[in-house]
Amino acid sequence: MGAAGGPQMASLVSQALKQCPKTKVVLGGYSQGAMVVHNAAGKLSAGQVVGAVTFGDPFKSQEPQNIEKFKTWCASGDPVCLNGANIMAHLSYGSNAAEAAQFLVDAAGL
C-alpha cells in the first residue's frame, strides 16, 4: 500500500530541498509506486513538490495532499485503478510517458 516507501520518499524530498532549497521537486509513480507518491505527499509541506504524476493508481480518486499540480492516468479496463479485467491495460502506460513528462516540465515552470 506504499506505506513503507512513502516516508522514505518524503525524507528524500526533504533532504534534497535542504541541500538545494530552490530545487523544483516532481514525483511520479506507477501502481504501488503511485501509492508511495500519495503516502509521501501527506508527510510533506505545501510547496515542497510542484507536481506529480501517477499511472495505474489505486488511489486515483484521492487528490494527494500538498502537491501543487497532479495528474493521473488510468487506462480503460485496468484492474488496479478501474476494477476492470484487462491486465494488459495496466501495462500500457508507456504510451503516456511523453505527456506526463511535459506535464511535470510545465509544473516546474521550465
PDB file of N, CA and C in Angstrom:
ATOM      1  N   MET A   1       0.816  -1.211   0.000  1.00  0.00           N
ATOM      2  CA  MET A   1       0.000   0.000   0.000  1.00  0.00           C
ATOM      3  C   MET A   1       0.856   1.269   0.000  1.00  0.00           C
ATOM      4  N   GLY A   2       2.137   1.159  -0.215  1.00  0.00           N
ATOM      5  CA  GLY A   2       3.002   2.333  -0.280  1.00  0.00           C
ATOM      6  C   GLY A   2       3.399   2.896   1.061  1.00  0.00           C
ATOM      7  N   ALA A   3       3.001   2.211   2.144  1.00  0.00           N
ATOM      8  CA  ALA A   3       3.255   2.749   3.478  1.00  0.00           C
ATOM      9  C   ALA A   3       4.747   2.844   3.796  1.00  0.00           C
ATOM     10  N   ALA A   4       5.515   1.854   3.410  1.00  0.00           N
ATOM     11  CA  ALA A   4       6.953   1.876   3.713  1.00  0.00           C
ATOM     12  C   ALA A   4       7.699   2.873   2.827  1.00  0.00           C
ATOM     13  N   GLY A   5       7.317   2.954   1.566  1.00  0.00           N
ATOM     14  CA  GLY A   5       8.014   3.838   0.643  1.00  0.00           C
ATOM     15  C   GLY A   5       7.677   5.303   0.822  1.00  0.00           C
ATOM     16  N   GLY A   6       6.470   5.603   1.289  1.00  0.00           N
ATOM     17  CA  GLY A   6       6.039   6.991   1.447  1.00  0.00           C
ATOM     18  C   GLY A   6       6.945   7.813   2.346  1.00  0.00           C
ATOM     19  N   PRO A   7       7.228   7.344   3.564  1.00  0.00           N
ATOM     20  CA  PRO A   7       8.124   8.107   4.434  1.00  0.00           C
ATOM     21  C   PRO A   7       9.529   8.250   3.850  1.00  0.00           C
ATOM     22  N   GLN A   8      10.006   7.216   3.169  1.00  0.00           N
ATOM     23  CA  GLN A   8      11.336   7.292   2.554  1.00  0.00           C
ATOM     24  C   GLN A   8      11.356   8.342   1.450  1.00  0.00           C
ATOM     25  N   MET A   9      10.302   8.348   0.594  1.00  0.00           N
ATOM     26  CA  MET A   9      10.237   9.340  -0.474  1.00  0.00           C
ATOM     27  C   MET A   9      10.161  10.745   0.119  1.00  0.00           C
ATOM     28  N   ALA A  10       9.355  10.930   1.145  1.00  0.00           N
ATOM     29  CA  ALA A  10       9.233  12.242   1.782  1.00  0.00           C
ATOM     30  C   ALA A  10      10.566  12.679   2.376  1.00  0.00           C
ATOM     31  N   SER A  11      11.284  11.749   2.974  1.00  0.00           N
ATOM     32  CA  SER A  11      12.589  12.054   3.550  1.00  0.00           C
ATOM     33  C   SER A  11      13.578  12.486   2.468  1.00  0.00           C
ATOM     34  N   LEU A  12      13.561  11.802   1.332  1.00  0.00           N
ATOM     35  CA  LEU A  12      14.461  12.160   0.237  1.00  0.00           C
ATOM     36  C   LEU A  12      14.128  13.532  -0.349  1.00  0.00           C
ATOM     37  N   VAL A  13      12.843  13.834  -0.443  1.00  0.00           N
ATOM     38  CA  VAL A  13      12.433  15.164  -0.916  1.00  0.00           C
ATOM     39  C   VAL A  13      12.940  16.234   0.055  1.00  0.00           C
ATOM     40  N   SER A  14      12.726  16.018   1.336  1.00  0.00           N
ATOM     41  CA  SER A  14      13.171  16.985   2.340  1.00  0.00           C
ATOM     42  C   SER A  14      14.684  17.163   2.317  1.00  0.00           C
ATOM     43  N   GLN A  15      15.399  16.063   2.160  1.00  0.00           N
ATOM     44  CA  GLN A  15      16.861  16.117   2.090  1.00  0.00           C
ATOM     45  C   GLN A  15      17.320  16.913   0.878  1.00  0.00           C
ATOM     46  N   ALA A  16      16.704  16.667  -0.274  1.00  0.00           N
ATOM     47  CA  ALA A  16      17.075  17.394  -1.494  1.00  0.00           C
ATOM     48  C   ALA A  16      16.821  18.886  -1.329  1.00  0.00           C
ATOM     49  N   LEU A  17      15.689  19.239  -0.738  1.00  0.00           N
ATOM     50  CA  LEU A  17      15.353  20.650  -0.563  1.00  0.00           C
ATOM     51  C   LEU A  17      16.233  21.323   0.483  1.00  0.00           C
ATOM     52  N   LYS A  18      16.685  20.562   1.444  1.00  0.00           N
ATOM     53  CA  LYS A  18      17.593  21.120   2.451  1.00  0.00           C
ATOM     54  C   LYS A  18      18.944  21.453   1.812  1.00  0.00           C
ATOM     55  N   GLN A  19      19.393  20.560   0.934  1.00  0.00           N
ATOM     56  CA  GLN A  19      20.682  20.762   0.272  1.00  0.00           C
ATOM     57  C   GLN A  19      20.595  21.813  -0.837  1.00  0.00           C
ATOM     58  N   CYS A  20      19.468  21.850  -1.529  1.00  0.00           N
ATOM     59  CA  CYS A  20      19.275  22.782  -2.647  1.00  0.00           C
ATOM     60  C   CYS A  20      17.863  23.370  -2.551  1.00  0.00           C
ATOM     61  N   PRO A  21      17.688  24.411  -1.746  1.00  0.00           N
ATOM     62  CA  PRO A  21      16.350  24.933  -1.448  1.00  0.00           C
ATOM     63  C   PRO A  21      15.548  25.425  -2.653  1.00  0.00           C
ATOM     64  N   LYS A  22      16.202  25.784  -3.731  1.00  0.00           N
ATOM     65  CA  LYS A  22      15.471  26.288  -4.899  1.00  0.00           C
ATOM     66  C   LYS A  22      15.092  25.189  -5.890  1.00  0.00           C
ATOM     67  N   THR A  23      15.355  23.944  -5.527  1.00  0.00           N
ATOM     68  CA  THR A  23      15.044  22.810  -6.396  1.00  0.00           C
ATOM     69  C   THR A  23      13.537  22.696  -6.601  1.00  0.00           C
ATOM     70  N   LYS A  24      13.133  22.426  -7.827  1.00  0.00           N
ATOM     71  CA  LYS A  24      11.734  22.162  -8.158  1.00  0.00           C
ATOM     72  C   LYS A  24      11.560  20.645  -8.145  1.00  0.00           C
ATOM     73  N   VAL A  25      10.866  20.126  -7.151  1.00  0.00           N
ATOM     74  CA  VAL A  25      10.697  18.684  -6.994  1.00  0.00           C
ATOM     75  C   VAL A  25       9.417  18.231  -7.680  1.00  0.00           C
ATOM     76  N   VAL A  26       9.543  17.159  -8.473  1.00  0.00           N
ATOM     77  CA  VAL A  26       8.391  16.494  -9.080  1.00  0.00           C
ATOM     78  C   VAL A  26       8.469  15.017  -8.716  1.00  0.00           C
ATOM     79  N   LEU A  27       7.317  14.383  -8.635  1.00  0.00           N
ATOM     80  CA  LEU A  27       7.245  12.973  -8.271  1.00  0.00           C
ATOM     81  C   LEU A  27       6.459  12.197  -9.315  1.00  0.00           C
ATOM     82  N   GLY A  28       6.723  10.916  -9.386  1.00  0.00           N
ATOM     83  CA  GLY A  28       5.958  10.047 -10.268  1.00  0.00           C
ATOM     84  C   GLY A  28       5.909   8.650  -9.697  1.00  0.00           C
ATOM     85  N   GLY A  29       4.823   7.939  -9.983  1.00  0.00           N
ATOM     86  CA  GLY A  29       4.707   6.572  -9.516  1.00  0.00           C
ATOM     87  C   GLY A  29       3.731   5.778 -10.348  1.00  0.00           C
ATOM     88  N   TYR A  30       4.015   4.505 -10.464  1.00  0.00           N
ATOM     89  CA  TYR A  30       3.185   3.570 -11.224  1.00  0.00           C
ATOM     90  C   TYR A  30       2.708   2.462 -10.292  1.00  0.00           C
ATOM     91  N   SER A  31       1.415   2.224 -10.249  1.00  0.00           N
ATOM     92  CA  SER A  31       0.802   1.159  -9.470  1.00  0.00           C
ATOM     93  C   SER A  31       1.137   1.333  -7.983  1.00  0.00           C
ATOM     94  N   GLN A  32       1.906   0.424  -7.394  1.00  0.00           N
ATOM     95  CA  GLN A  32       2.259   0.596  -5.987  1.00  0.00           C
ATOM     96  C   GLN A  32       3.105   1.851  -5.780  1.00  0.00           C
ATOM     97  N   GLY A  33       3.876   2.222  -6.777  1.00  0.00           N
ATOM     98  CA  GLY A  33       4.641   3.459  -6.698  1.00  0.00           C
ATOM     99  C   GLY A  33       3.741   4.682  -6.630  1.00  0.00           C
ATOM    100  N   ALA A  34       2.570   4.596  -7.249  1.00  0.00           N
ATOM    101  CA  ALA A  34       1.592   5.681  -7.148  1.00  0.00           C
ATOM    102  C   ALA A  34       1.111   5.827  -5.703  1.00  0.00           C
ATOM    103  N   MET A  35       0.944   4.699  -5.030  1.00  0.00           N
ATOM    104  CA  MET A  35       0.541   4.748  -3.624  1.00  0.00           C
ATOM    105  C   MET A  35       1.648   5.363  -2.770  1.00  0.00           C
ATOM    106  N   VAL A  36       2.903   5.125  -3.145  1.00  0.00           N
ATOM    107  CA  VAL A  36       4.028   5.742  -2.445  1.00  0.00           C
ATOM    108  C   VAL A  36       3.948   7.262  -2.587  1.00  0.00           C
ATOM    109  N   VAL A  37       3.638   7.749  -3.786  1.00  0.00           N
ATOM    110  CA  VAL A  37       3.501   9.192  -4.010  1.00  0.00           C
ATOM    111  C   VAL A  37       2.431   9.769  -3.081  1.00  0.00           C
ATOM    112  N   HIS A  38       1.276   9.119  -3.006  1.00  0.00           N
ATOM    113  CA  HIS A  38       0.199   9.596  -2.129  1.00  0.00           C
ATOM    114  C   HIS A  38       0.650   9.621  -0.665  1.00  0.00           C
ATOM    115  N   ASN A  39       1.299   8.554  -0.225  1.00  0.00           N
ATOM    116  CA  ASN A  39       1.741   8.486   1.170  1.00  0.00           C
ATOM    117  C   ASN A  39       2.837   9.490   1.477  1.00  0.00           C
ATOM    118  N   ALA A  40       3.718   9.740   0.533  1.00  0.00           N
ATOM    119  CA  ALA A  40       4.765  10.745   0.742  1.00  0.00           C
ATOM    120  C   ALA A  40       4.164  12.141   0.806  1.00  0.00           C
ATOM    121  N   ALA A  41       3.215  12.413  -0.069  1.00  0.00           N
ATOM    122  CA  ALA A  41       2.610  13.752  -0.135  1.00  0.00           C
ATOM    123  C   ALA A  41       2.021  14.170   1.203  1.00  0.00           C
ATOM    124  N   GLY A  42       1.421  13.238   1.907  1.00  0.00           N
ATOM    125  CA  GLY A  42       0.825  13.552   3.206  1.00  0.00           C
ATOM    126  C   GLY A  42       1.843  13.883   4.278  1.00  0.00           C
ATOM    127  N   LYS A  43       3.090  13.550   4.036  1.00  0.00           N
ATOM    128  CA  LYS A  43       4.153  13.813   5.009  1.00  0.00           C
ATOM    129  C   LYS A  43       4.982  15.047   4.646  1.00  0.00           C
ATOM    130  N   LEU A  44       4.656  15.656   3.516  1.00  0.00           N
ATOM    131  CA  LEU A  44       5.379  16.838   3.054  1.00  0.00           C
ATOM    132  C   LEU A  44       4.560  18.097   3.300  1.00  0.00           C
ATOM    133  N   SER A  45       5.225  19.216   3.272  1.00  0.00           N
ATOM    134  CA  SER A  45       4.544  20.503   3.436  1.00  0.00           C
ATOM    135  C   SER A  45       4.142  21.047   2.073  1.00  0.00           C
ATOM    136  N   ALA A  46       3.124  21.885   2.082  1.00  0.00           N
ATOM    137  CA  ALA A  46       2.701  22.550   0.853  1.00  0.00           C
ATOM    138  C   ALA A  46       3.889  23.312   0.276  1.00  0.00           C
ATOM    139  N   GLY A  47       4.043  23.225  -1.038  1.00  0.00           N
ATOM    140  CA  GLY A  47       5.107  23.939  -1.721  1.00  0.00           C
ATOM    141  C   GLY A  47       6.387  23.152  -1.917  1.00  0.00           C
ATOM    142  N   GLN A  48       6.526  22.007  -1.254  1.00  0.00           N
ATOM    143  CA  GLN A  48       7.749  21.228  -1.428  1.00  0.00           C
ATOM    144  C   GLN A  48       7.769  20.479  -2.761  1.00  0.00           C
ATOM    145  N   VAL A  49       6.601  20.085  -3.254  1.00  0.00           N
ATOM    146  CA  VAL A  49       6.501  19.344  -4.513  1.00  0.00           C
ATOM    147  C   VAL A  49       5.626  20.148  -5.471  1.00  0.00           C
ATOM    148  N   VAL A  50       6.190  20.513  -6.629  1.00  0.00           N
ATOM    149  CA  VAL A  50       5.440  21.336  -7.577  1.00  0.00           C
ATOM    150  C   VAL A  50       4.521  20.514  -8.478  1.00  0.00           C
ATOM    151  N   GLY A  51       4.812  19.230  -8.633  1.00  0.00           N
ATOM    152  CA  GLY A  51       3.962  18.419  -9.495  1.00  0.00           C
ATOM    153  C   GLY A  51       4.207  16.941  -9.292  1.00  0.00           C
ATOM    154  N   ALA A  52       3.182  16.154  -9.616  1.00  0.00           N
ATOM    155  CA  ALA A  52       3.306  14.698  -9.534  1.00  0.00           C
ATOM    156  C   ALA A  52       2.395  14.058 -10.559  1.00  0.00           C
ATOM    157  N   VAL A  53       2.832  12.901 -11.030  1.00  0.00           N
ATOM    158  CA  VAL A  53       2.031  12.098 -11.939  1.00  0.00           C
ATOM    159  C   VAL A  53       1.975  10.668 -11.409  1.00  0.00           C
ATOM    160  N   THR A  54       0.837  10.012 -11.667  1.00  0.00           N
ATOM    161  CA  THR A  54       0.716   8.605 -11.316  1.00  0.00           C
ATOM    162  C   THR A  54       0.051   7.852 -12.463  1.00  0.00           C
ATOM    163  N   PHE A  55       0.336   6.564 -12.511  1.00  0.00           N
ATOM    164  CA  PHE A  55      -0.202   5.686 -13.550  1.00  0.00           C
ATOM    165  C   PHE A  55      -0.751   4.434 -12.874  1.00  0.00           C
ATOM    166  N   GLY A  56      -1.919   3.968 -13.308  1.00  0.00           N
ATOM    167  CA  GLY A  56      -2.489   2.767 -12.720  1.00  0.00           C
ATOM    168  C   GLY A  56      -2.630   2.907 -11.217  1.00  0.00           C
ATOM    169  N   ASP A  57      -3.090   4.048 -10.787  1.00  0.00           N
ATOM    170  CA  ASP A  57      -3.104   4.474  -9.387  1.00  0.00           C
ATOM    171  C   ASP A  57      -4.331   3.948  -8.643  1.00  0.00           C
ATOM    172  N   PRO A  58      -4.151   3.033  -7.685  1.00  0.00           N
ATOM    173  CA  PRO A  58      -5.294   2.541  -6.916  1.00  0.00           C
ATOM    174  C   PRO A  58      -5.982   3.643  -6.098  1.00  0.00           C
ATOM    175  N   PHE A  59      -5.261   4.728  -5.812  1.00  0.00           N
ATOM    176  CA  PHE A  59      -5.814   5.853  -5.039  1.00  0.00           C
ATOM    177  C   PHE A  59      -6.206   7.022  -5.942  1.00  0.00           C
ATOM    178  N   LYS A  60      -6.493   6.749  -7.220  1.00  0.00           N
ATOM    179  CA  LYS A  60      -6.711   7.812  -8.200  1.00  0.00           C
ATOM    180  C   LYS A  60      -7.818   8.786  -7.823  1.00  0.00           C
ATOM    181  N   SER A  61      -8.762   8.356  -7.035  1.00  0.00           N
ATOM    182  CA  SER A  61      -9.868   9.243  -6.668  1.00  0.00           C
ATOM    183  C   SER A  61      -9.508  10.165  -5.503  1.00  0.00           C
ATOM    184  N   GLN A  62      -8.324   9.992  -4.937  1.00  0.00           N
ATOM    185  CA  GLN A  62      -7.890  10.822  -3.817  1.00  0.00           C
ATOM    186  C   GLN A  62      -6.826  11.809  -4.288  1.00  0.00           C
ATOM    187  N   GLU A  63      -7.142  13.060  -4.238  1.00  0.00           N
ATOM    188  CA  GLU A  63      -6.162  14.092  -4.598  1.00  0.00           C
ATOM    189  C   GLU A  63      -5.047  14.086  -3.550  1.00  0.00           C
ATOM    190  N   PRO A  64      -3.789  13.926  -3.954  1.00  0.00           N
ATOM    191  CA  PRO A  64      -2.712  13.917  -2.962  1.00  0.00           C
ATOM    192  C   PRO A  64      -2.591  15.272  -2.270  1.00  0.00           C
ATOM    193  N   GLN A  65      -2.286  15.231  -1.011  1.00  0.00           N
ATOM    194  CA  GLN A  65      -2.125  16.457  -0.233  1.00  0.00           C
ATOM    195  C   GLN A  65      -0.806  17.142  -0.579  1.00  0.00           C
ATOM    196  N   ASN A  66      -0.803  18.438  -0.472  1.00  0.00           N
ATOM    197  CA  ASN A  66       0.424  19.240  -0.528  1.00  0.00           C
ATOM    198  C   ASN A  66       1.188  19.178  -1.845  1.00  0.00           C
ATOM    199  N   ILE A  67       0.526  18.790  -2.922  1.00  0.00           N
ATOM    200  CA  ILE A  67       1.165  18.797  -4.238  1.00  0.00           C
ATOM    201  C   ILE A  67       0.434  19.824  -5.093  1.00  0.00           C
ATOM    202  N   GLU A  68       1.195  20.750  -5.661  1.00  0.00           N
ATOM    203  CA  GLU A  68       0.585  21.860  -6.393  1.00  0.00           C
ATOM    204  C   GLU A  68      -0.176  21.403  -7.633  1.00  0.00           C
ATOM    205  N   LYS A  69       0.442  20.570  -8.459  1.00  0.00           N
ATOM    206  CA  LYS A  69      -0.216  20.109  -9.688  1.00  0.00           C
ATOM    207  C   LYS A  69      -0.106  18.593  -9.747  1.00  0.00           C
ATOM    208  N   PHE A  70      -1.214  17.956 -10.081  1.00  0.00           N
ATOM    209  CA  PHE A  70      -1.264  16.488 -10.070  1.00  0.00           C
ATOM    210  C   PHE A  70      -2.075  15.987 -11.252  1.00  0.00           C
ATOM    211  N   LYS A  71      -1.582  14.910 -11.867  1.00  0.00           N
ATOM    212  CA  LYS A  71      -2.319  14.276 -12.955  1.00  0.00           C
ATOM    213  C   LYS A  71      -2.127  12.772 -12.846  1.00  0.00           C
ATOM    214  N   THR A  72      -3.207  12.038 -13.115  1.00  0.00           N
ATOM    215  CA  THR A  72      -3.126  10.585 -13.066  1.00  0.00           C
ATOM    216  C   THR A  72      -3.692   9.980 -14.339  1.00  0.00           C
ATOM    217  N   TRP A  73      -3.163   8.828 -14.712  1.00  0.00           N
ATOM    218  CA  TRP A  73      -3.653   8.091 -15.867  1.00  0.00           C
ATOM    219  C   TRP A  73      -4.182   6.752 -15.385  1.00  0.00           C
ATOM    220  N   CYS A  74      -5.367   6.395 -15.868  1.00  0.00           N
ATOM    221  CA  CYS A  74      -5.971   5.106 -15.564  1.00  0.00           C
ATOM    222  C   CYS A  74      -6.581   4.581 -16.859  1.00  0.00           C
ATOM    223  N   ALA A  75      -5.959   3.567 -17.431  1.00  0.00           N
ATOM    224  CA  ALA A  75      -6.403   3.028 -18.719  1.00  0.00           C
ATOM    225  C   ALA A  75      -7.727   2.286 -18.580  1.00  0.00           C
ATOM    226  N   SER A  76      -8.530   2.394 -19.593  1.00  0.00           N
ATOM    227  CA  SER A  76      -9.808   1.684 -19.627  1.00  0.00           C
ATOM    228  C   SER A  76      -9.575   0.183 -19.461  1.00  0.00           C
ATOM    229  N   GLY A  77     -10.261  -0.422 -18.521  1.00  0.00           N
ATOM    230  CA  GLY A  77     -10.143  -1.847 -18.269  1.00  0.00           C
ATOM    231  C   GLY A  77      -9.066  -2.224 -17.266  1.00  0.00           C
ATOM    232  N   ASP A  78      -8.298  -1.245 -16.767  1.00  0.00           N
ATOM    233  CA  ASP A  78      -7.231  -1.521 -15.806  1.00  0.00           C
ATOM    234  C   ASP A  78      -7.827  -2.110 -14.522  1.00  0.00           C
ATOM    235  N   PRO A  79      -7.404  -3.305 -14.120  1.00  0.00           N
ATOM    236  CA  PRO A  79      -7.966  -3.917 -12.918  1.00  0.00           C
ATOM    237  C   PRO A  79      -7.490  -3.281 -11.619  1.00  0.00           C
ATOM    238  N   VAL A  80      -6.422  -2.507 -11.667  1.00  0.00           N
ATOM    239  CA  VAL A  80      -5.880  -1.903 -10.455  1.00  0.00           C
ATOM    240  C   VAL A  80      -6.563  -0.581 -10.126  1.00  0.00           C
ATOM    241  N   CYS A  81      -6.766   0.263 -11.116  1.00  0.00           N
ATOM    242  CA  CYS A  81      -7.327   1.588 -10.836  1.00  0.00           C
ATOM    243  C   CYS A  81      -8.774   1.745 -11.294  1.00  0.00           C
ATOM    244  N   LEU A  82      -9.305   0.750 -11.982  1.00  0.00           N
ATOM    245  CA  LEU A  82     -10.660   0.913 -12.511  1.00  0.00           C
ATOM    246  C   LEU A  82     -11.547  -0.304 -12.270  1.00  0.00           C
ATOM    247  N   ASN A  83     -11.072  -1.276 -11.518  1.00  0.00           N
ATOM    248  CA  ASN A  83     -11.817  -2.515 -11.292  1.00  0.00           C
ATOM    249  C   ASN A  83     -12.185  -3.200 -12.599  1.00  0.00           C
ATOM    250  N   GLY A  84     -11.298  -3.098 -13.572  1.00  0.00           N
ATOM    251  CA  GLY A  84     -11.514  -3.753 -14.856  1.00  0.00           C
ATOM    252  C   GLY A  84     -10.973  -5.169 -14.831  1.00  0.00           C
ATOM    253  N   ALA A  85     -10.887  -5.761 -15.998  1.00  0.00           N
ATOM    254  CA  ALA A  85     -10.435  -7.148 -16.082  1.00  0.00           C
ATOM    255  C   ALA A  85      -9.322  -7.334 -17.108  1.00  0.00           C
ATOM    256  N   ASN A  86      -8.734  -6.243 -17.572  1.00  0.00           N
ATOM    257  CA  ASN A  86      -7.728  -6.330 -18.624  1.00  0.00           C
ATOM    258  C   ASN A  86      -6.352  -6.002 -18.046  1.00  0.00           C
ATOM    259  N   ILE A  87      -5.601  -7.034 -17.672  1.00  0.00           N
ATOM    260  CA  ILE A  87      -4.281  -6.803 -17.087  1.00  0.00           C
ATOM    261  C   ILE A  87      -3.356  -6.082 -18.064  1.00  0.00           C
ATOM    262  N   MET A  88      -3.555  -6.281 -19.347  1.00  0.00           N
ATOM    263  CA  MET A  88      -2.722  -5.588 -20.336  1.00  0.00           C
ATOM    264  C   MET A  88      -2.932  -4.075 -20.277  1.00  0.00           C
ATOM    265  N   ALA A  89      -4.118  -3.642 -19.886  1.00  0.00           N
ATOM    266  CA  ALA A  89      -4.364  -2.207 -19.731  1.00  0.00           C
ATOM    267  C   ALA A  89      -3.454  -1.632 -18.647  1.00  0.00           C
ATOM    268  N   HIS A  90      -3.199  -2.412 -17.608  1.00  0.00           N
ATOM    269  CA  HIS A  90      -2.345  -1.942 -16.514  1.00  0.00           C
ATOM    270  C   HIS A  90      -0.877  -1.862 -16.944  1.00  0.00           C
ATOM    271  N   LEU A  91      -0.555  -2.483 -18.044  1.00  0.00           N
ATOM    272  CA  LEU A  91       0.817  -2.485 -18.542  1.00  0.00           C
ATOM    273  C   LEU A  91       1.016  -1.526 -19.713  1.00  0.00           C
ATOM    274  N   SER A  92       0.035  -0.669 -19.963  1.00  0.00           N
ATOM    275  CA  SER A  92       0.025   0.148 -21.181  1.00  0.00           C
ATOM    276  C   SER A  92       0.504   1.589 -21.005  1.00  0.00           C
ATOM    277  N   TYR A  93       1.002   1.963 -19.864  1.00  0.00           N
ATOM    278  CA  TYR A  93       1.240   3.376 -19.582  1.00  0.00           C
ATOM    279  C   TYR A  93       2.481   3.974 -20.226  1.00  0.00           C
ATOM    280  N   GLY A  94       3.299   3.172 -20.852  1.00  0.00           N
ATOM    281  CA  GLY A  94       4.461   3.714 -21.563  1.00  0.00           C
ATOM    282  C   GLY A  94       4.060   4.729 -22.618  1.00  0.00           C
ATOM    283  N   SER A  95       2.890   4.541 -23.186  1.00  0.00           N
ATOM    284  CA  SER A  95       2.419   5.474 -24.216  1.00  0.00           C
ATOM    285  C   SER A  95       2.055   6.848 -23.645  1.00  0.00           C
ATOM    286  N   ASN A  96       1.965   6.961 -22.330  1.00  0.00           N
ATOM    287  CA  ASN A  96       1.632   8.236 -21.688  1.00  0.00           C
ATOM    288  C   ASN A  96       2.864   8.968 -21.154  1.00  0.00           C
ATOM    289  N   ALA A  97       4.034   8.372 -21.321  1.00  0.00           N
ATOM    290  CA  ALA A  97       5.247   8.923 -20.716  1.00  0.00           C
ATOM    291  C   ALA A  97       5.579  10.328 -21.207  1.00  0.00           C
ATOM    292  N   ALA A  98       5.494  10.582 -22.490  1.00  0.00           N
ATOM    293  CA  ALA A  98       5.848  11.902 -23.020  1.00  0.00           C
ATOM    294  C   ALA A  98       4.890  12.970 -22.493  1.00  0.00           C
ATOM    295  N   GLU A  99       3.608  12.669 -22.469  1.00  0.00           N
ATOM    296  CA  GLU A  99       2.624  13.619 -21.948  1.00  0.00           C
ATOM    297  C   GLU A  99       2.870  13.889 -20.459  1.00  0.00           C
ATOM    298  N   ALA A 100       3.167  12.840 -19.709  1.00  0.00           N
ATOM    299  CA  ALA A 100       3.446  13.000 -18.272  1.00  0.00           C
ATOM    300  C   ALA A 100       4.696  13.847 -18.058  1.00  0.00           C
ATOM    301  N   ALA A 101       5.727  13.579 -18.833  1.00  0.00           N
ATOM    302  CA  ALA A 101       6.969  14.359 -18.702  1.00  0.00           C
ATOM    303  C   ALA A 101       6.696  15.827 -18.993  1.00  0.00           C
ATOM    304  N   GLN A 102       5.923  16.118 -20.016  1.00  0.00           N
ATOM    305  CA  GLN A 102       5.612  17.513 -20.353  1.00  0.00           C
ATOM    306  C   GLN A 102       4.798  18.162 -19.232  1.00  0.00           C
ATOM    307  N   PHE A 103       3.871  17.416 -18.654  1.00  0.00           N
ATOM    308  CA  PHE A 103       3.091  17.937 -17.528  1.00  0.00           C
ATOM    309  C   PHE A 103       4.017  18.350 -16.383  1.00  0.00           C
ATOM    310  N   LEU A 104       5.007  17.510 -16.085  1.00  0.00           N
ATOM    311  CA  LEU A 104       5.933  17.805 -14.991  1.00  0.00           C
ATOM    312  C   LEU A 104       6.853  18.981 -15.328  1.00  0.00           C
ATOM    313  N   VAL A 105       7.289  19.059 -16.566  1.00  0.00           N
ATOM    314  CA  VAL A 105       8.106  20.200 -17.006  1.00  0.00           C
ATOM    315  C   VAL A 105       7.304  21.490 -16.829  1.00  0.00           C
ATOM    316  N   ASP A 106       6.053  21.466 -17.251  1.00  0.00           N
ATOM    317  CA  ASP A 106       5.191  22.649 -17.106  1.00  0.00           C
ATOM    318  C   ASP A 106       4.957  22.975 -15.634  1.00  0.00           C
ATOM    319  N   ALA A 107       4.731  21.943 -14.806  1.00  0.00           N
ATOM    320  CA  ALA A 107       4.501  22.156 -13.384  1.00  0.00           C
ATOM    321  C   ALA A 107       5.703  22.827 -12.727  1.00  0.00           C
ATOM    322  N   ALA A 108       6.891  22.463 -13.199  1.00  0.00           N
ATOM    323  CA  ALA A 108       8.120  23.043 -12.647  1.00  0.00           C
ATOM    324  C   ALA A 108       8.428  24.414 -13.244  1.00  0.00           C
ATOM    325  N   GLY A 109       7.662  24.820 -14.232  1.00  0.00           N
ATOM    326  CA  GLY A 109       7.862  26.132 -14.844  1.00  0.00           C
ATOM    327  C   GLY A 109       9.101  26.205 -15.710  1.00  0.00           C
ATOM    328  N   LEU A 110       9.455  25.089 -16.305  1.00  0.00           N
ATOM    329  CA  LEU A 110      10.661  25.065 -17.150  1.00  0.00           C
ATOM    330  C   LEU A 110      10.328  25.221 -18.612  1.00  0.00           C
TER     331      LEU A 110
END
